[in-house]
PDB file of N, CA and C in Angstrom:
ATOM      1  N   UNK A   1      84.160 141.744  92.420  1.00  0.00           N
ATOM      2  CA  UNK A   1      84.328 141.155  93.722  1.00  0.00           C
ATOM      3  C   UNK A   1      82.974 140.819  94.357  1.00  0.00           C
ATOM      4  N   UNK A   2      82.030 141.721  94.191  1.00  0.00           N
ATOM      5  CA  UNK A   2      80.730 141.535  94.802  1.00  0.00           C
ATOM      6  C   UNK A   2      80.029 140.266  94.285  1.00  0.00           C
ATOM      7  N   UNK A   3      80.337 139.867  93.049  1.00  0.00           N
ATOM      8  CA  UNK A   3      79.698 138.705  92.495  1.00  0.00           C
ATOM      9  C   UNK A   3      79.981 137.434  93.295  1.00  0.00           C
ATOM     10  N   UNK A   4      81.154 137.386  93.936  1.00  0.00           N
ATOM     11  CA  UNK A   4      81.540 136.183  94.654  1.00  0.00           C
ATOM     12  C   UNK A   4      81.223 136.255  96.137  1.00  0.00           C
ATOM     13  N   UNK A   5      81.203 137.450  96.691  1.00  0.00           N
ATOM     14  CA  UNK A   5      80.956 137.586  98.105  1.00  0.00           C
ATOM     15  C   UNK A   5      79.536 137.177  98.411  1.00  0.00           C
ATOM     16  N   UNK A   6      79.363 136.338  99.381  1.00  0.00           N
ATOM     17  CA  UNK A   6      78.043 135.880  99.755  1.00  0.00           C
ATOM     18  C   UNK A   6      77.535 134.723  98.916  1.00  0.00           C
ATOM     19  N   UNK A   7      78.286 134.267  97.927  1.00  0.00           N
ATOM     20  CA  UNK A   7      77.914 133.155  97.067  1.00  0.00           C
ATOM     21  C   UNK A   7      78.387 131.866  97.743  1.00  0.00           C
ATOM     22  N   UNK A   8      77.508 130.990  98.196  1.00  0.00           N
ATOM     23  CA  UNK A   8      77.936 129.804  98.901  1.00  0.00           C
ATOM     24  C   UNK A   8      78.703 128.801  98.049  1.00  0.00           C
ATOM     25  N   UNK A   9      78.714 128.996  96.740  1.00  0.00           N
ATOM     26  CA  UNK A   9      79.406 128.073  95.838  1.00  0.00           C
ATOM     27  C   UNK A   9      80.853 128.496  95.572  1.00  0.00           C
ATOM     28  N   UNK A  10      81.200 129.719  95.937  1.00  0.00           N
ATOM     29  CA  UNK A  10      82.522 130.211  95.664  1.00  0.00           C
ATOM     30  C   UNK A  10      83.158 130.770  96.948  1.00  0.00           C
ATOM     31  N   UNK A  11      84.258 130.197  97.362  1.00  0.00           N
ATOM     32  CA  UNK A  11      85.019 130.686  98.502  1.00  0.00           C
ATOM     33  C   UNK A  11      86.461 130.947  98.045  1.00  0.00           C
ATOM     34  N   UNK A  12      86.886 132.179  98.207  1.00  0.00           N
ATOM     35  CA  UNK A  12      88.273 132.532  97.830  1.00  0.00           C
ATOM     36  C   UNK A  12      88.995 132.948  99.093  1.00  0.00           C
ATOM     37  N   UNK A  13      90.133 132.218  99.314  1.00  0.00           N
ATOM     38  CA  UNK A  13      90.985 132.555 100.477  1.00  0.00           C
ATOM     39  C   UNK A  13      92.404 132.750  99.958  1.00  0.00           C
ATOM     40  N   UNK A  14      93.064 133.769 100.446  1.00  0.00           N
ATOM     41  CA  UNK A  14      94.425 134.092 100.080  1.00  0.00           C
ATOM     42  C   UNK A  14      95.380 133.520 101.109  1.00  0.00           C
ATOM     43  N   UNK A  15      96.407 132.827 100.618  1.00  0.00           N
ATOM     44  CA  UNK A  15      97.448 132.361 101.498  1.00  0.00           C
ATOM     45  C   UNK A  15      98.627 133.342 101.312  1.00  0.00           C
ATOM     46  N   UNK A  16      98.833 134.250 102.259  1.00  0.00           N
ATOM     47  CA  UNK A  16      99.856 135.280 102.091  1.00  0.00           C
ATOM     48  C   UNK A  16     101.274 134.756 102.140  1.00  0.00           C
ATOM     49  N   UNK A  17     102.193 135.446 101.493  1.00  0.00           N
ATOM     50  CA  UNK A  17     103.622 135.085 101.544  1.00  0.00           C
ATOM     51  C   UNK A  17     104.089 134.978 102.983  1.00  0.00           C
ATOM     52  N   UNK A  18     103.495 135.810 103.874  1.00  0.00           N
ATOM     53  CA  UNK A  18     103.947 135.804 105.247  1.00  0.00           C
ATOM     54  C   UNK A  18     103.673 134.481 105.978  1.00  0.00           C
ATOM     55  N   UNK A  19     102.872 133.625 105.345  1.00  0.00           N
ATOM     56  CA  UNK A  19     102.589 132.295 105.949  1.00  0.00           C
ATOM     57  C   UNK A  19     103.861 131.427 105.934  1.00  0.00           C
ATOM     58  N   UNK A  20     104.797 131.746 105.028  1.00  0.00           N
ATOM     59  CA  UNK A  20     106.045 130.990 104.931  1.00  0.00           C
ATOM     60  C   UNK A  20     105.792 129.610 104.311  1.00  0.00           C
ATOM     61  N   UNK A  21     106.648 128.632 104.707  1.00  0.00           N
ATOM     62  CA  UNK A  21     106.522 127.295 104.183  1.00  0.00           C
ATOM     63  C   UNK A  21     105.143 126.746 104.518  1.00  0.00           C
ATOM     64  N   UNK A  22     104.522 126.040 103.571  1.00  0.00           N
ATOM     65  CA  UNK A  22     103.160 125.557 103.804  1.00  0.00           C
ATOM     66  C   UNK A  22     102.945 124.212 103.098  1.00  0.00           C
ATOM     67  N   UNK A  23     101.814 123.589 103.350  1.00  0.00           N
ATOM     68  CA  UNK A  23     101.487 122.269 102.842  1.00  0.00           C
ATOM     69  C   UNK A  23     101.291 122.214 101.355  1.00  0.00           C
ATOM     70  N   UNK A  24     101.179 123.345 100.686  1.00  0.00           N
ATOM     71  CA  UNK A  24     100.979 123.353  99.249  1.00  0.00           C
ATOM     72  C   UNK A  24     102.279 123.396  98.441  1.00  0.00           C
ATOM     73  N   UNK A  25     103.383 123.453  99.131  1.00  0.00           N
ATOM     74  CA  UNK A  25     104.668 123.601  98.449  1.00  0.00           C
ATOM     75  C   UNK A  25     105.096 122.297  97.733  1.00  0.00           C
ATOM     76  N   UNK A  26     104.440 121.204  98.068  1.00  0.00           N
ATOM     77  CA  UNK A  26     104.796 119.922  97.409  1.00  0.00           C
ATOM     78  C   UNK A  26     104.229 119.834  95.977  1.00  0.00           C
ATOM     79  N   UNK A  27     103.331 120.717  95.646  1.00  0.00           N
ATOM     80  CA  UNK A  27     102.760 120.705  94.310  1.00  0.00           C
ATOM     81  C   UNK A  27     101.249 120.951  94.368  1.00  0.00           C
ATOM     82  N   UNK A  28     100.705 121.253  93.205  1.00  0.00           N
ATOM     83  CA  UNK A  28      99.256 121.539  93.139  1.00  0.00           C
ATOM     84  C   UNK A  28      98.447 120.258  93.149  1.00  0.00           C
ATOM     85  N   UNK A  29      97.211 120.376  93.660  1.00  0.00           N
ATOM     86  CA  UNK A  29      96.337 119.248  93.679  1.00  0.00           C
ATOM     87  C   UNK A  29      94.904 119.736  93.827  1.00  0.00           C
ATOM     88  N   UNK A  30      93.949 118.956  93.381  1.00  0.00           N
ATOM     89  CA  UNK A  30      92.530 119.203  93.545  1.00  0.00           C
ATOM     90  C   UNK A  30      91.919 117.997  94.226  1.00  0.00           C
ATOM     91  N   UNK A  31      91.009 118.237  95.161  1.00  0.00           N
ATOM     92  CA  UNK A  31      90.289 117.161  95.803  1.00  0.00           C
ATOM     93  C   UNK A  31      88.820 117.268  95.385  1.00  0.00           C
ATOM     94  N   UNK A  32      88.310 116.225  94.822  1.00  0.00           N
ATOM     95  CA  UNK A  32      86.906 116.222  94.383  1.00  0.00           C
ATOM     96  C   UNK A  32      86.139 115.232  95.271  1.00  0.00           C
ATOM     97  N   UNK A  33      85.160 115.772  95.971  1.00  0.00           N
ATOM     98  CA  UNK A  33      84.350 114.970  96.858  1.00  0.00           C
ATOM     99  C   UNK A  33      82.935 114.837  96.287  1.00  0.00           C
ATOM    100  N   UNK A  34      82.422 113.592  96.287  1.00  0.00           N
ATOM    101  CA  UNK A  34      81.118 113.315  95.714  1.00  0.00           C
ATOM    102  C   UNK A  34      80.196 112.723  96.772  1.00  0.00           C
ATOM    103  N   UNK A  35      78.933 112.951  96.643  1.00  0.00           N
ATOM    104  CA  UNK A  35      77.976 112.481  97.609  1.00  0.00           C
ATOM    105  C   UNK A  35      77.848 110.943  97.618  1.00  0.00           C
ATOM    106  N   UNK A  36      77.882 110.325  96.432  1.00  0.00           N
ATOM    107  CA  UNK A  36      77.643 108.883  96.393  1.00  0.00           C
ATOM    108  C   UNK A  36      78.836 108.089  95.815  1.00  0.00           C
ATOM    109  N   UNK A  37      79.930 108.745  95.496  1.00  0.00           N
ATOM    110  CA  UNK A  37      81.105 108.051  94.952  1.00  0.00           C
ATOM    111  C   UNK A  37      82.326 108.381  95.795  1.00  0.00           C
ATOM    112  N   UNK A  38      83.380 107.596  95.565  1.00  0.00           N
ATOM    113  CA  UNK A  38      84.646 107.841  96.278  1.00  0.00           C
ATOM    114  C   UNK A  38      85.228 109.182  95.888  1.00  0.00           C
ATOM    115  N   UNK A  39      85.936 109.837  96.804  1.00  0.00           N
ATOM    116  CA  UNK A  39      86.644 111.055  96.510  1.00  0.00           C
ATOM    117  C   UNK A  39      87.798 110.757  95.586  1.00  0.00           C
ATOM    118  N   UNK A  40      88.190 111.762  94.800  1.00  0.00           N
ATOM    119  CA  UNK A  40      89.271 111.643  93.869  1.00  0.00           C
ATOM    120  C   UNK A  40      90.221 112.825  94.071  1.00  0.00           C
ATOM    121  N   UNK A  41      91.492 112.551  93.942  1.00  0.00           N
ATOM    122  CA  UNK A  41      92.522 113.570  93.983  1.00  0.00           C
ATOM    123  C   UNK A  41      93.190 113.636  92.599  1.00  0.00           C
ATOM    124  N   UNK A  42      93.381 114.866  92.136  1.00  0.00           N
ATOM    125  CA  UNK A  42      94.084 115.108  90.894  1.00  0.00           C
ATOM    126  C   UNK A  42      95.330 115.900  91.199  1.00  0.00           C
ATOM    127  N   UNK A  43      96.505 115.292  90.955  1.00  0.00           N
ATOM    128  CA  UNK A  43      97.765 115.981  91.225  1.00  0.00           C
ATOM    129  C   UNK A  43      98.374 116.380  89.879  1.00  0.00           C
ATOM    130  N   UNK A  44      99.150 117.452  89.910  1.00  0.00           N
ATOM    131  CA  UNK A  44      99.805 117.936  88.690  1.00  0.00           C
ATOM    132  C   UNK A  44     101.309 118.146  88.903  1.00  0.00           C
ATOM    133  N   UNK A  45     102.029 117.874  87.916  1.00  0.00           N
ATOM    134  CA  UNK A  45     103.456 118.158  87.889  1.00  0.00           C
ATOM    135  C   UNK A  45     103.746 118.785  86.522  1.00  0.00           C
ATOM    136  N   UNK A  46     105.010 119.062  86.269  1.00  0.00           N
ATOM    137  CA  UNK A  46     105.396 119.655  84.993  1.00  0.00           C
ATOM    138  C   UNK A  46     105.019 118.689  83.846  1.00  0.00           C
ATOM    139  N   UNK A  47     104.080 119.119  83.066  1.00  0.00           N
ATOM    140  CA  UNK A  47     103.717 118.350  81.867  1.00  0.00           C
ATOM    141  C   UNK A  47     102.844 117.110  82.091  1.00  0.00           C
ATOM    142  N   UNK A  48     102.375 116.897  83.296  1.00  0.00           N
ATOM    143  CA  UNK A  48     101.571 115.702  83.539  1.00  0.00           C
ATOM    144  C   UNK A  48     100.575 115.943  84.672  1.00  0.00           C
ATOM    145  N   UNK A  49      99.515 115.143  84.653  1.00  0.00           N
ATOM    146  CA  UNK A  49      98.535 115.155  85.691  1.00  0.00           C
ATOM    147  C   UNK A  49      98.111 113.708  86.014  1.00  0.00           C
ATOM    148  N   UNK A  50      97.664 113.504  87.220  1.00  0.00           N
ATOM    149  CA  UNK A  50      97.339 112.118  87.659  1.00  0.00           C
ATOM    150  C   UNK A  50      96.133 112.118  88.568  1.00  0.00           C
ATOM    151  N   UNK A  51      95.023 111.484  88.122  1.00  0.00           N
ATOM    152  CA  UNK A  51      93.881 111.338  88.996  1.00  0.00           C
ATOM    153  C   UNK A  51      94.038 110.006  89.781  1.00  0.00           C
ATOM    154  N   UNK A  52      93.562 110.001  91.040  1.00  0.00           N
ATOM    155  CA  UNK A  52      93.591 108.775  91.831  1.00  0.00           C
ATOM    156  C   UNK A  52      92.468 108.762  92.854  1.00  0.00           C
ATOM    157  N   UNK A  53      91.961 107.626  93.156  1.00  0.00           N
ATOM    158  CA  UNK A  53      91.006 107.420  94.210  1.00  0.00           C
ATOM    159  C   UNK A  53      91.611 106.634  95.368  1.00  0.00           C
ATOM    160  N   UNK A  54      92.958 106.498  95.367  1.00  0.00           N
ATOM    161  CA  UNK A  54      93.627 105.787  96.434  1.00  0.00           C
ATOM    162  C   UNK A  54      93.309 106.461  97.750  1.00  0.00           C
ATOM    163  N   UNK A  55      92.729 105.700  98.718  1.00  0.00           N
ATOM    164  CA  UNK A  55      92.320 106.293  99.978  1.00  0.00           C
ATOM    165  C   UNK A  55      93.407 106.996 100.749  1.00  0.00           C
ATOM    166  N   UNK A  56      94.650 106.472 100.713  1.00  0.00           N
ATOM    167  CA  UNK A  56      95.740 107.125 101.416  1.00  0.00           C
ATOM    168  C   UNK A  56      96.093 108.479 100.811  1.00  0.00           C
ATOM    169  N   UNK A  57      96.116 108.527  99.468  1.00  0.00           N
ATOM    170  CA  UNK A  57      96.420 109.789  98.771  1.00  0.00           C
ATOM    171  C   UNK A  57      95.313 110.802  99.016  1.00  0.00           C
ATOM    172  N   UNK A  58      94.044 110.353  98.960  1.00  0.00           N
ATOM    173  CA  UNK A  58      92.922 111.251  99.226  1.00  0.00           C
ATOM    174  C   UNK A  58      93.000 111.793 100.664  1.00  0.00           C
ATOM    175  N   UNK A  59      93.348 110.901 101.609  1.00  0.00           N
ATOM    176  CA  UNK A  59      93.453 111.323 103.009  1.00  0.00           C
ATOM    177  C   UNK A  59      94.588 112.353 103.161  1.00  0.00           C
ATOM    178  N   UNK A  60      95.753 112.074 102.564  1.00  0.00           N
ATOM    179  CA  UNK A  60      96.898 112.962 102.657  1.00  0.00           C
ATOM    180  C   UNK A  60      96.580 114.354 102.064  1.00  0.00           C
ATOM    181  N   UNK A  61      95.989 114.363 100.866  1.00  0.00           N
ATOM    182  CA  UNK A  61      95.702 115.632 100.225  1.00  0.00           C
ATOM    183  C   UNK A  61      94.595 116.369 100.917  1.00  0.00           C
ATOM    184  N   UNK A  62      93.629 115.663 101.489  1.00  0.00           N
ATOM    185  CA  UNK A  62      92.566 116.325 102.277  1.00  0.00           C
ATOM    186  C   UNK A  62      93.154 117.018 103.487  1.00  0.00           C
ATOM    187  N   UNK A  63      94.102 116.365 104.133  1.00  0.00           N
ATOM    188  CA  UNK A  63      94.769 116.927 105.299  1.00  0.00           C
ATOM    189  C   UNK A  63      95.591 118.139 104.879  1.00  0.00           C
ATOM    190  N   UNK A  64      96.324 118.032 103.743  1.00  0.00           N
ATOM    191  CA  UNK A  64      97.093 119.159 103.248  1.00  0.00           C
ATOM    192  C   UNK A  64      96.170 120.351 102.944  1.00  0.00           C
ATOM    193  N   UNK A  65      95.011 120.058 102.350  1.00  0.00           N
ATOM    194  CA  UNK A  65      94.063 121.122 102.049  1.00  0.00           C
ATOM    195  C   UNK A  65      93.581 121.815 103.358  1.00  0.00           C
ATOM    196  N   UNK A  66      93.271 121.013 104.340  1.00  0.00           N
ATOM    197  CA  UNK A  66      92.811 121.572 105.611  1.00  0.00           C
ATOM    198  C   UNK A  66      93.875 122.496 106.235  1.00  0.00           C
ATOM    199  N   UNK A  67      95.159 122.074 106.131  1.00  0.00           N
ATOM    200  CA  UNK A  67      96.266 122.916 106.650  1.00  0.00           C
ATOM    201  C   UNK A  67      96.387 124.183 105.845  1.00  0.00           C
ATOM    202  N   UNK A  68      96.247 124.139 104.518  1.00  0.00           N
ATOM    203  CA  UNK A  68      96.281 125.349 103.702  1.00  0.00           C
ATOM    204  C   UNK A  68      95.139 126.302 104.067  1.00  0.00           C
ATOM    205  N   UNK A  69      93.963 125.767 104.234  1.00  0.00           N
ATOM    206  CA  UNK A  69      92.810 126.596 104.563  1.00  0.00           C
ATOM    207  C   UNK A  69      92.989 127.241 105.920  1.00  0.00           C
ATOM    208  N   UNK A  70      93.542 126.519 106.874  1.00  0.00           N
ATOM    209  CA  UNK A  70      93.756 127.081 108.204  1.00  0.00           C
ATOM    210  C   UNK A  70      94.817 128.193 108.188  1.00  0.00           C
ATOM    211  N   UNK A  71      95.803 128.080 107.333  1.00  0.00           N
ATOM    212  CA  UNK A  71      96.867 129.108 107.255  1.00  0.00           C
ATOM    213  C   UNK A  71      96.440 130.317 106.427  1.00  0.00           C
ATOM    214  N   UNK A  72      95.422 130.178 105.613  1.00  0.00           N
ATOM    215  CA  UNK A  72      94.988 131.269 104.741  1.00  0.00           C
ATOM    216  C   UNK A  72      94.204 132.334 105.497  1.00  0.00           C
ATOM    217  N   UNK A  73      94.093 133.499 104.875  1.00  0.00           N
ATOM    218  CA  UNK A  73      93.247 134.529 105.453  1.00  0.00           C
ATOM    219  C   UNK A  73      91.810 134.100 105.429  1.00  0.00           C
ATOM    220  N   UNK A  74      90.976 134.661 106.270  1.00  0.00           N
ATOM    221  CA  UNK A  74      89.581 134.372 106.294  1.00  0.00           C
ATOM    222  C   UNK A  74      88.932 134.823 104.967  1.00  0.00           C
ATOM    223  N   UNK A  75      87.729 134.392 104.702  1.00  0.00           N
ATOM    224  CA  UNK A  75      87.010 134.807 103.516  1.00  0.00           C
ATOM    225  C   UNK A  75      86.895 136.336 103.455  1.00  0.00           C
ATOM    226  N   UNK A  76      86.527 136.925 104.576  1.00  0.00           N
ATOM    227  CA  UNK A  76      86.351 138.383 104.675  1.00  0.00           C
ATOM    228  C   UNK A  76      87.713 139.093 104.460  1.00  0.00           C
ATOM    229  N   UNK A  77      88.737 138.640 105.142  1.00  0.00           N
ATOM    230  CA  UNK A  77      90.054 139.285 105.006  1.00  0.00           C
ATOM    231  C   UNK A  77      90.617 139.106 103.616  1.00  0.00           C
ATOM    232  N   UNK A  78      90.380 137.955 103.012  1.00  0.00           N
ATOM    233  CA  UNK A  78      90.824 137.714 101.628  1.00  0.00           C
ATOM    234  C   UNK A  78      90.147 138.679 100.681  1.00  0.00           C
ATOM    235  N   UNK A  79      88.848 138.875 100.850  1.00  0.00           N
ATOM    236  CA  UNK A  79      88.082 139.835 100.000  1.00  0.00           C
ATOM    237  C   UNK A  79      88.607 141.246 100.180  1.00  0.00           C
ATOM    238  N   UNK A  80      88.897 141.633 101.424  1.00  0.00           N
ATOM    239  CA  UNK A  80      89.455 142.957 101.715  1.00  0.00           C
ATOM    240  C   UNK A  80      90.794 143.144 100.995  1.00  0.00           C
ATOM    241  N   UNK A  81      91.645 142.139 101.072  1.00  0.00           N
ATOM    242  CA  UNK A  81      92.952 142.222 100.462  1.00  0.00           C
ATOM    243  C   UNK A  81      92.834 142.324  98.930  1.00  0.00           C
ATOM    244  N   UNK A  82      91.987 141.518  98.355  1.00  0.00           N
ATOM    245  CA  UNK A  82      91.776 141.605  96.900  1.00  0.00           C
ATOM    246  C   UNK A  82      91.256 142.984  96.493  1.00  0.00           C
ATOM    247  N   UNK A  83      90.298 143.475  97.224  1.00  0.00           N
ATOM    248  CA  UNK A  83      89.712 144.789  96.951  1.00  0.00           C
ATOM    249  C   UNK A  83      90.795 145.876  97.049  1.00  0.00           C
ATOM    250  N   UNK A  84      91.619 145.816  98.117  1.00  0.00           N
ATOM    251  CA  UNK A  84      92.661 146.814  98.343  1.00  0.00           C
ATOM    252  C   UNK A  84      93.681 146.815  97.219  1.00  0.00           C
ATOM    253  N   UNK A  85      94.126 145.613  96.826  1.00  0.00           N
ATOM    254  CA  UNK A  85      95.123 145.501  95.761  1.00  0.00           C
ATOM    255  C   UNK A  85      94.540 145.977  94.448  1.00  0.00           C
ATOM    256  N   UNK A  86      93.304 145.646  94.150  1.00  0.00           N
ATOM    257  CA  UNK A  86      92.655 146.102  92.922  1.00  0.00           C
ATOM    258  C   UNK A  86      92.585 147.648  92.915  1.00  0.00           C
ATOM    259  N   UNK A  87      92.223 148.259  94.001  1.00  0.00           N
ATOM    260  CA  UNK A  87      92.140 149.720  94.065  1.00  0.00           C
ATOM    261  C   UNK A  87      93.487 150.347  93.946  1.00  0.00           C
ATOM    262  N   UNK A  88      94.522 149.784  94.614  1.00  0.00           N
ATOM    263  CA  UNK A  88      95.845 150.350  94.577  1.00  0.00           C
ATOM    264  C   UNK A  88      96.463 150.240  93.182  1.00  0.00           C
ATOM    265  N   UNK A  89      96.252 149.122  92.530  1.00  0.00           N
ATOM    266  CA  UNK A  89      96.936 148.879  91.241  1.00  0.00           C
ATOM    267  C   UNK A  89      96.148 149.437  90.052  1.00  0.00           C
ATOM    268  N   UNK A  90      94.816 149.377  90.129  1.00  0.00           N
ATOM    269  CA  UNK A  90      94.027 149.744  88.953  1.00  0.00           C
ATOM    270  C   UNK A  90      93.054 150.904  89.189  1.00  0.00           C
ATOM    271  N   UNK A  91      93.029 151.450  90.350  1.00  0.00           N
ATOM    272  CA  UNK A  91      92.068 152.511  90.642  1.00  0.00           C
ATOM    273  C   UNK A  91      90.678 151.875  90.735  1.00  0.00           C
ATOM    274  N   UNK A  92      89.737 152.673  91.031  1.00  0.00           N
ATOM    275  CA  UNK A  92      88.394 152.175  91.193  1.00  0.00           C
ATOM    276  C   UNK A  92      87.604 152.364  89.907  1.00  0.00           C
ATOM    277  N   UNK A  93      87.338 151.293  89.231  1.00  0.00           N
ATOM    278  CA  UNK A  93      86.549 151.284  87.964  1.00  0.00           C
ATOM    279  C   UNK A  93      85.306 150.479  88.197  1.00  0.00           C
ATOM    280  N   UNK A  94      84.196 150.849  87.578  1.00  0.00           N
ATOM    281  CA  UNK A  94      82.929 150.101  87.738  1.00  0.00           C
ATOM    282  C   UNK A  94      82.403 149.738  86.391  1.00  0.00           C
ATOM    283  N   UNK A  95      81.816 148.519  86.316  1.00  0.00           N
ATOM    284  CA  UNK A  95      81.131 148.170  85.057  1.00  0.00           C
ATOM    285  C   UNK A  95      79.723 148.710  85.109  1.00  0.00           C
ATOM    286  N   UNK A  96      78.902 148.440  84.096  1.00  0.00           N
ATOM    287  CA  UNK A  96      77.570 148.998  84.024  1.00  0.00           C
ATOM    288  C   UNK A  96      76.675 148.535  85.195  1.00  0.00           C
ATOM    289  N   UNK A  97      76.971 147.395  85.792  1.00  0.00           N
ATOM    290  CA  UNK A  97      76.201 146.892  86.901  1.00  0.00           C
ATOM    291  C   UNK A  97      76.632 147.442  88.259  1.00  0.00           C
ATOM    292  N   UNK A  98      77.680 148.270  88.271  1.00  0.00           N
ATOM    293  CA  UNK A  98      78.153 148.889  89.499  1.00  0.00           C
ATOM    294  C   UNK A  98      79.226 148.073  90.196  1.00  0.00           C
ATOM    295  N   UNK A  99      79.589 146.893  89.602  1.00  0.00           N
ATOM    296  CA  UNK A  99      80.633 146.092  90.230  1.00  0.00           C
ATOM    297  C   UNK A  99      82.008 146.635  89.816  1.00  0.00           C
ATOM    298  N   UNK A 100      82.952 146.575  90.747  1.00  0.00           N
ATOM    299  CA  UNK A 100      84.326 147.028  90.465  1.00  0.00           C
ATOM    300  C   UNK A 100      84.978 146.018  89.482  1.00  0.00           C
ATOM    301  N   UNK A 101      85.643 146.587  88.494  1.00  0.00           N
ATOM    302  CA  UNK A 101      86.416 145.720  87.525  1.00  0.00           C
ATOM    303  C   UNK A 101      87.763 146.376  87.281  1.00  0.00           C
ATOM    304  N   UNK A 102      88.683 145.576  86.839  1.00  0.00           N
ATOM    305  CA  UNK A 102      90.015 146.108  86.477  1.00  0.00           C
ATOM    306  C   UNK A 102      89.998 146.721  85.122  1.00  0.00           C
TER     307      UNK A 102
END
């Protein structure tokens, strides 16, 4: 867990079941944003995937992502939850570097 905490390249947020119905229930998607090129959305369904740079699709998925992020636990609370579940399920184990591992 410590490897990701404080790393500006990795943000992990948990969307708890208690959030109920949410914007991600329509299916999985990835939004890729580039500094000098158009953004791309990659959507997935059973047995297929589809990339698109269609501005309306990118806008829709970006908004869905924003809603998911707003409904999710904070970075700190997500890390606490992951740590708690790891300790409850697997006990506290450490690798040679002192990081907790399952």
